Amino acid sequence: MSDDEIITMSDLTVALVEPSPTQHKIIAGHLNDIGVQRIFWYQDGKSAFEGVKQEFPDLVISSMHLPDITGVELAQKIRKEPTTMDTLFMTVSSETSFRYLDPLKQAGVVAILPKPFAPSDLRNALIATLDFLVPDQNALDNIDLDRVRVLIVDDSVTARHHIARVMKNMGINDVVDVPSGESAIKALRQQFYDLVVTDFNMPEMDGRELTKYIREHSTQRSVPILMVTSESDSSRLAQVQRAGVSAICDKPFEPASIKELVRKMLSEK
């Protein structure tokens, strides 16, 4: 796909993983109404995983509870397979448990839709899918991207890969990713960065502690810090804001939101 190629809903190929024929019919109908016509249907995780490796869909839409594995486990298997790790993933579930949803958020899903969902929710999630698929080299057209270096900090390798992909879609190619706050400190001692993108919940040193260290002890105290996190506790997020983050973005995020935040932070440097 060239950088200036335009794709639409009708160009998307979707793997729909849903055990229920009735739910399959409902979701496929909504997809058809939006313009998606190429849909492969799988009723369990094993057949879906094998199908994704053969068909290479743009997006997997999966129920959370499958006959053999969970939607979380399917997402993790797809992310670990080199040939499918870039496949976008969305889940449809009535689950609200942190135990189920947080691993999905860490895996870099496009969206987590409630069951039942409104057709507009699905449409918005598919618009986000198109944003992931199509590079937007004009997103930061007022910034010299050849000079921009970004540090991504997250203990999840899939989350780091996911965020790096968004950065590169914006034309930022000098991206370094590390798995912990401690390794981020080492990286900051060795190189200058224009932006730090960090998770909140990490072992040993979390995102708040990393932010506090950067603002108080680093030689790069003024570097913009974007926190991308699945954390929902308002009191903990308030502590992060007091530590000095420049902006906070939820997981899962819409690429348009990240692009606007990055544009704003780099323009203000």
Protein backbone atom coordinates (compact mmCIF):
# COMPACT_ATOMS: atom_id res chain seq x y z
CA MET A 1 0.00 0.00 0.00
CA SER A 2 1.44 3.41 -1.01
CA ASP A 3 1.45 6.32 1.43
CA ASP A 4 -1.17 8.26 -0.59
CA GLU A 5 -3.49 5.32 -1.23
CA ILE A 6 -7.01 5.76 0.04
CA ILE A 7 -8.90 2.75 1.37
CA THR A 8 -12.54 2.60 2.37
CA MET A 9 -14.83 0.29 4.32
CA SER A 10 -15.45 -1.77 1.18
CA ASP A 11 -11.73 -2.53 0.97
CA LEU A 12 -11.59 -4.08 4.45
CA THR A 13 -11.37 -7.82 5.06
CA VAL A 14 -12.74 -8.88 8.44
CA ALA A 15 -12.41 -12.16 10.34
CA LEU A 16 -15.47 -12.49 12.57
CA VAL A 17 -15.03 -14.93 15.47
CA GLU A 18 -18.42 -15.68 17.00
CA PRO A 19 -19.78 -19.04 18.21
CA SER A 20 -23.43 -18.04 17.85
CA PRO A 21 -24.93 -18.16 14.34
CA THR A 22 -27.51 -15.59 15.47
CA GLN A 23 -24.89 -13.14 16.74
CA HIS A 24 -22.81 -13.77 13.61
CA LYS A 25 -25.77 -12.82 11.47
CA ILE A 26 -26.41 -9.64 13.48
CA ILE A 27 -22.78 -8.44 13.44
CA ALA A 28 -22.24 -9.38 9.79
CA GLY A 29 -25.41 -7.45 8.95
CA HIS A 30 -24.09 -4.35 10.69
CA LEU A 31 -20.77 -4.73 8.85
CA ASN A 32 -22.57 -5.05 5.52
CA ASP A 33 -24.61 -1.92 6.27
CA ILE A 34 -21.40 0.01 6.91
CA GLY A 35 -19.91 -1.22 3.63
CA VAL A 36 -17.77 -4.20 4.69
CA GLN A 37 -18.43 -7.14 2.37
CA ARG A 38 -15.44 -9.49 2.79
CA ILE A 39 -16.14 -11.36 6.03
CA PHE A 40 -14.72 -14.73 7.11
CA TRP A 41 -16.67 -16.42 9.91
CA TYR A 42 -15.09 -18.67 12.55
CA GLN A 43 -16.83 -20.24 15.53
CA ASP A 44 -13.83 -21.07 17.73
CA GLY A 45 -10.35 -19.80 18.50
CA LYS A 46 -8.38 -22.58 16.83
CA SER A 47 -10.04 -22.24 13.43
CA ALA A 48 -9.87 -18.45 13.69
CA PHE A 49 -6.14 -18.49 14.40
CA GLU A 50 -5.46 -20.81 11.46
CA GLY A 51 -7.77 -18.74 9.25
CA VAL A 52 -6.02 -15.48 10.13
CA LYS A 53 -2.66 -17.02 9.18
CA GLN A 54 -4.06 -18.01 5.78
CA GLU A 55 -6.33 -15.09 4.88
CA PHE A 56 -4.47 -12.16 6.53
CA PRO A 57 -7.56 -10.05 7.30
CA ASP A 58 -7.23 -6.36 8.11
CA LEU A 59 -9.25 -6.80 11.29
CA VAL A 60 -10.35 -9.58 13.65
CA ILE A 61 -13.62 -9.01 15.50
CA SER A 62 -13.98 -11.60 18.25
CA SER A 63 -16.38 -12.48 21.01
CA MET A 64 -14.75 -12.70 24.43
CA HIS A 65 -15.91 -16.22 25.27
CA LEU A 66 -15.19 -18.90 22.65
CA PRO A 67 -15.67 -22.68 22.95
CA ASP A 68 -11.95 -23.42 23.28
CA ILE A 69 -10.18 -20.21 24.38
CA THR A 70 -11.02 -16.64 25.35
CA GLY A 71 -10.85 -13.65 23.08
CA VAL A 72 -7.89 -12.46 25.18
CA GLU A 73 -5.98 -15.66 24.45
CA LEU A 74 -6.80 -15.43 20.74
CA ALA A 75 -5.53 -11.83 20.61
CA GLN A 76 -2.33 -12.86 22.39
CA LYS A 77 -1.75 -15.79 20.00
CA ILE A 78 -2.23 -13.53 16.99
CA ARG A 79 0.16 -10.95 18.45
CA LYS A 80 2.86 -13.57 19.12
CA GLU A 81 2.80 -14.98 15.57
CA PRO A 82 5.31 -13.01 13.41
CA THR A 83 3.14 -13.20 10.29
CA THR A 84 -0.01 -11.94 12.04
CA MET A 85 1.29 -9.65 14.81
CA ASP A 86 0.17 -6.52 12.93
CA THR A 87 -3.40 -7.76 12.45
CA LEU A 88 -5.81 -5.35 14.09
CA PHE A 89 -8.09 -6.80 16.77
CA MET A 90 -11.44 -5.78 18.22
CA THR A 91 -13.56 -7.58 20.77
CA VAL A 92 -17.32 -7.60 21.42
CA SER A 93 -18.18 -8.52 24.98
CA SER A 94 -20.49 -7.89 27.91
CA GLU A 95 -17.49 -8.38 30.24
CA THR A 96 -16.55 -5.50 32.54
CA SER A 97 -13.94 -7.36 34.61
CA PHE A 98 -10.46 -5.82 34.75
CA ARG A 99 -9.10 -9.39 34.66
CA TYR A 100 -10.47 -9.91 31.15
CA LEU A 101 -10.27 -6.43 29.68
CA ASP A 102 -6.83 -5.21 30.78
CA PRO A 103 -4.86 -7.89 28.84
CA LEU A 104 -6.83 -6.90 25.74
CA LYS A 105 -5.98 -3.26 26.25
CA GLN A 106 -2.32 -4.15 26.73
CA ALA A 107 -2.40 -6.13 23.47
CA GLY A 108 -3.28 -2.99 21.56
CA VAL A 109 -6.86 -3.63 20.49
CA VAL A 110 -8.60 -1.13 18.23
CA ALA A 111 -11.75 -1.16 20.35
CA ILE A 112 -13.67 -3.07 23.01
CA LEU A 113 -17.35 -2.93 22.10
CA PRO A 114 -20.11 -3.74 24.60
CA LYS A 115 -22.64 -6.44 23.85
CA PRO A 116 -25.07 -5.34 22.57
CA PHE A 117 -23.46 -2.39 20.79
CA ALA A 118 -24.89 0.45 18.74
CA PRO A 119 -24.10 0.39 14.98
CA SER A 120 -22.49 3.82 15.43
CA ASP A 121 -20.00 2.27 17.90
CA LEU A 122 -18.99 -0.29 15.28
CA ARG A 123 -18.68 2.38 12.61
CA ASN A 124 -16.41 4.50 14.84
CA ALA A 125 -14.24 1.48 15.58
CA LEU A 126 -13.92 0.73 11.87
CA ILE A 127 -12.96 4.34 11.18
CA ALA A 128 -10.19 3.88 13.76
CA THR A 129 -9.17 0.71 11.90
CA LEU A 130 -8.76 2.68 8.69
CA ASP A 131 -6.63 5.22 10.59
CA PHE A 132 -4.33 2.42 11.72
CA LEU A 133 -4.04 0.95 8.23
CA VAL A 134 -3.37 4.11 6.24
CA PRO A 135 -0.21 6.15 6.95
CA ASP A 136 -0.98 9.84 7.56
CA GLN A 137 2.20 11.61 6.55
CA ASN A 138 0.45 14.99 6.79
CA ALA A 139 -0.49 14.62 10.47
CA LEU A 140 2.65 16.50 11.56
CA ASP A 141 3.32 18.52 8.42
CA ASN A 142 4.55 21.55 10.37
CA ILE A 143 7.28 19.55 12.16
CA ASP A 144 10.67 18.38 10.87
CA LEU A 145 10.10 14.67 11.46
CA ASP A 146 13.65 13.72 10.46
CA ARG A 147 14.79 15.28 13.72
CA VAL A 148 12.11 13.77 15.98
CA ARG A 149 13.08 10.89 18.27
CA VAL A 150 10.47 9.11 20.42
CA LEU A 151 10.99 6.83 23.43
CA ILE A 152 8.20 4.30 24.13
CA VAL A 153 8.09 2.72 27.60
CA ASP A 154 5.79 -0.24 28.27
CA ASP A 155 6.28 -3.66 29.84
CA SER A 156 4.05 -5.18 27.13
CA VAL A 157 5.94 -5.87 23.90
CA THR A 158 2.67 -5.89 21.96
CA ALA A 159 1.68 -2.49 23.35
CA ARG A 160 5.08 -1.06 22.41
CA HIS A 161 4.77 -2.46 18.89
CA HIS A 162 1.25 -1.07 18.59
CA ILE A 163 2.23 2.47 19.63
CA ALA A 164 5.36 2.40 17.47
CA ARG A 165 3.19 1.53 14.49
CA VAL A 166 1.05 4.61 15.08
CA MET A 167 4.15 6.80 15.36
CA LYS A 168 5.57 5.46 12.11
CA ASN A 169 2.23 5.99 10.39
CA MET A 170 2.64 9.66 11.26
CA GLY A 171 6.09 9.71 9.68
CA ILE A 172 8.11 9.41 12.91
CA ASN A 173 10.65 6.69 12.16
CA ASP A 174 13.23 7.30 14.89
CA VAL A 175 11.43 5.28 17.57
CA VAL A 176 13.11 3.50 20.49
CA ASP A 177 11.12 1.19 22.76
CA VAL A 178 12.07 -0.17 26.18
CA PRO A 179 10.26 -2.51 28.61
CA SER A 180 10.62 -0.68 31.94
CA GLY A 181 11.07 2.60 33.74
CA GLU A 182 14.62 1.66 34.69
CA SER A 183 15.59 1.01 31.06
CA ALA A 184 13.91 4.29 30.09
CA ILE A 185 16.16 6.16 32.52
CA LYS A 186 19.21 4.52 30.95
CA ALA A 187 17.99 5.46 27.48
CA LEU A 188 17.42 9.08 28.54
CA ARG A 189 20.98 9.25 29.86
CA GLN A 190 22.34 8.10 26.50
CA GLN A 191 20.24 10.08 23.99
CA PHE A 192 18.05 13.13 23.66
CA TYR A 193 14.34 12.50 22.99
CA ASP A 194 11.62 14.81 21.72
CA LEU A 195 8.79 12.78 23.24
CA VAL A 196 8.36 10.03 25.83
CA VAL A 197 5.29 7.77 25.56
CA THR A 198 4.84 5.65 28.67
CA ASP A 199 2.43 3.20 30.25
CA PHE A 200 1.29 3.71 33.83
CA ASN A 201 1.14 0.22 35.36
CA MET A 202 4.61 -1.29 35.11
CA PRO A 203 6.58 -3.41 37.62
CA GLU A 204 9.42 -1.98 39.70
CA MET A 205 9.01 1.61 38.44
CA ASP A 206 5.58 2.69 37.21
CA GLY A 207 4.76 5.56 34.88
CA ARG A 208 4.18 8.04 37.70
CA GLU A 209 7.57 7.29 39.23
CA LEU A 210 9.26 7.53 35.83
CA THR A 211 7.58 10.87 35.16
CA LYS A 212 8.60 12.18 38.57
CA TYR A 213 12.20 11.09 37.97
CA ILE A 214 12.32 12.77 34.56
CA ARG A 215 10.86 16.03 35.89
CA GLU A 216 13.10 16.18 38.95
CA HIS A 217 16.38 14.44 38.08
CA SER A 218 16.76 13.98 34.31
CA THR A 219 18.78 16.27 32.07
CA GLN A 220 15.67 16.27 29.85
CA ARG A 221 13.22 17.66 32.42
CA SER A 222 11.12 19.53 29.86
CA VAL A 223 10.59 16.62 27.45
CA PRO A 224 6.85 16.10 26.67
CA ILE A 225 5.50 12.94 28.33
CA LEU A 226 2.40 11.21 26.97
CA MET A 227 0.92 8.51 29.17
CA VAL A 228 -1.10 5.84 27.35
CA THR A 229 -2.79 3.70 29.97
CA SER A 230 -5.67 1.39 30.83
CA GLU A 231 -5.77 2.81 34.37
CA SER A 232 -9.22 4.08 35.34
CA ASP A 233 -8.70 5.04 39.00
CA SER A 234 -9.17 8.82 39.04
CA SER A 235 -7.10 9.33 42.20
CA ARG A 236 -4.13 7.46 40.75
CA LEU A 237 -4.42 9.39 37.48
CA ALA A 238 -4.50 12.63 39.46
CA GLN A 239 -1.20 11.62 41.05
CA VAL A 240 0.24 11.08 37.57
CA GLN A 241 -0.90 14.50 36.45
CA ARG A 242 0.72 16.08 39.51
CA ALA A 243 3.94 14.24 38.69
CA GLY A 244 4.10 16.22 35.45
CA VAL A 245 2.76 14.30 32.46
CA SER A 246 1.92 16.44 29.45
CA ALA A 247 -1.16 14.41 28.47
CA ILE A 248 -2.99 11.15 29.26
CA CYS A 249 -4.62 8.90 26.67
CA ASP A 250 -6.75 5.81 27.31
CA LYS A 251 -6.12 2.28 26.08
CA PRO A 252 -7.53 1.41 23.63
CA PHE A 253 -7.04 4.70 21.83
CA GLU A 254 -8.12 6.15 18.53
CA PRO A 255 -5.17 7.03 16.26
CA ALA A 256 -6.68 10.46 15.63
CA SER A 257 -6.48 11.22 19.37
CA ILE A 258 -2.82 10.23 19.57
CA LYS A 259 -1.97 12.20 16.43
CA GLU A 260 -3.56 15.37 17.81
CA LEU A 261 -1.85 15.01 21.19
CA VAL A 262 1.55 14.36 19.60
CA ARG A 263 1.11 17.25 17.17
CA LYS A 264 0.23 19.61 20.01
CA MET A 265 3.11 18.51 22.26
CA LEU A 266 5.77 18.64 19.55
CA SER A 267 4.54 21.99 18.26
CA GLU A 268 4.86 23.48 21.74
CA LYS A 269 8.45 22.31 22.27
